[in-house]
């Protein structure tokens, strides 16, 4: 049981990091578009 719980926690952390990175990338893209315009 403990192994499954830690695995789930690791997966959640990875998903959170992916989500944050995606947000940062989209923000940078939006800033680039505004800078060019």
N, C-alpha and C. Protein backbone atom coordinates (compact mmCIF):
# COMPACT_ATOMS: atom_id res chain seq x y z
N UNK A 1 0.83 -1.21 0.00
CA UNK A 1 0.00 0.00 0.00
C UNK A 1 0.87 1.26 0.00
N UNK A 2 1.90 1.27 0.83
CA UNK A 2 2.76 2.45 0.90
C UNK A 2 3.39 2.75 -0.45
N UNK A 3 3.82 1.69 -1.13
CA UNK A 3 4.47 1.90 -2.44
C UNK A 3 3.51 2.58 -3.41
N UNK A 4 2.26 2.15 -3.41
CA UNK A 4 1.27 2.73 -4.33
C UNK A 4 1.07 4.21 -3.99
N UNK A 5 0.98 4.52 -2.71
CA UNK A 5 0.75 5.90 -2.30
C UNK A 5 1.91 6.80 -2.71
N UNK A 6 3.14 6.36 -2.48
CA UNK A 6 4.28 7.19 -2.85
C UNK A 6 4.34 7.35 -4.36
N UNK A 7 4.02 6.30 -5.10
CA UNK A 7 4.01 6.37 -6.57
C UNK A 7 3.00 7.42 -7.04
N UNK A 8 1.82 7.41 -6.42
CA UNK A 8 0.79 8.39 -6.78
C UNK A 8 1.28 9.81 -6.48
N UNK A 9 1.92 9.97 -5.33
CA UNK A 9 2.44 11.30 -4.98
C UNK A 9 3.47 11.76 -5.98
N UNK A 10 4.40 10.88 -6.36
CA UNK A 10 5.42 11.23 -7.36
C UNK A 10 4.76 11.65 -8.66
N UNK A 11 3.75 10.91 -9.08
CA UNK A 11 3.05 11.23 -10.33
C UNK A 11 2.40 12.60 -10.24
N UNK A 12 1.76 12.89 -9.11
CA UNK A 12 1.10 14.19 -8.94
C UNK A 12 2.11 15.31 -9.02
N UNK A 13 3.27 15.13 -8.38
CA UNK A 13 4.31 16.17 -8.40
C UNK A 13 4.78 16.38 -9.84
N UNK A 14 5.01 15.28 -10.57
CA UNK A 14 5.46 15.40 -11.96
C UNK A 14 4.42 16.14 -12.79
N UNK A 15 3.14 15.81 -12.60
CA UNK A 15 2.08 16.47 -13.35
C UNK A 15 2.05 17.97 -13.01
N UNK A 16 2.21 18.30 -11.73
CA UNK A 16 2.20 19.70 -11.32
C UNK A 16 3.35 20.46 -11.98
N UNK A 17 4.54 19.86 -11.99
CA UNK A 17 5.70 20.50 -12.61
C UNK A 17 5.43 20.70 -14.10
N UNK A 18 4.88 19.68 -14.77
CA UNK A 18 4.57 19.80 -16.20
C UNK A 18 3.60 20.95 -16.43
N UNK A 19 2.58 21.04 -15.60
CA UNK A 19 1.59 22.11 -15.75
C UNK A 19 2.22 23.48 -15.58
N UNK A 20 3.09 23.63 -14.58
CA UNK A 20 3.74 24.91 -14.33
C UNK A 20 4.63 25.27 -15.52
N UNK A 21 5.40 24.30 -16.02
CA UNK A 21 6.29 24.56 -17.16
C UNK A 21 5.46 24.98 -18.38
N UNK A 22 4.35 24.31 -18.63
CA UNK A 22 3.50 24.67 -19.76
C UNK A 22 3.00 26.10 -19.62
N UNK A 23 2.60 26.48 -18.40
CA UNK A 23 2.12 27.85 -18.17
C UNK A 23 3.21 28.86 -18.44
N UNK A 24 4.42 28.58 -17.96
CA UNK A 24 5.55 29.50 -18.16
C UNK A 24 5.81 29.65 -19.66
N UNK A 25 5.81 28.52 -20.39
CA UNK A 25 6.08 28.57 -21.83
C UNK A 25 5.01 29.38 -22.55
N UNK A 26 3.75 29.19 -22.21
CA UNK A 26 2.70 29.93 -22.89
C UNK A 26 2.80 31.43 -22.56
N UNK A 27 3.13 31.76 -21.32
CA UNK A 27 3.30 33.17 -20.95
C UNK A 27 4.43 33.79 -21.75
N UNK A 28 5.56 33.07 -21.88
CA UNK A 28 6.69 33.60 -22.65
C UNK A 28 6.29 33.82 -24.10
N UNK A 29 5.53 32.88 -24.66
CA UNK A 29 5.08 33.01 -26.05
C UNK A 29 4.20 34.24 -26.20
N UNK A 30 3.28 34.44 -25.27
CA UNK A 30 2.40 35.60 -25.34
C UNK A 30 3.23 36.89 -25.26
N UNK A 31 4.22 36.92 -24.38
CA UNK A 31 5.07 38.11 -24.24
C UNK A 31 5.81 38.36 -25.55
N UNK A 32 6.32 37.30 -26.20
CA UNK A 32 7.04 37.46 -27.47
C UNK A 32 6.12 38.05 -28.54
N UNK A 33 4.89 37.56 -28.59
CA UNK A 33 3.93 38.05 -29.59
C UNK A 33 3.67 39.54 -29.34
N UNK A 34 3.47 39.93 -28.09
CA UNK A 34 3.22 41.33 -27.77
C UNK A 34 4.44 42.19 -28.09
N UNK A 35 5.63 41.67 -27.83
CA UNK A 35 6.85 42.43 -28.08
C UNK A 35 7.01 42.69 -29.58
N UNK A 36 6.68 41.68 -30.40
CA UNK A 36 6.82 41.83 -31.86
C UNK A 36 5.78 42.80 -32.41
N UNK A 37 4.57 42.76 -31.91
CA UNK A 37 3.48 43.57 -32.44
C UNK A 37 3.72 45.06 -32.24
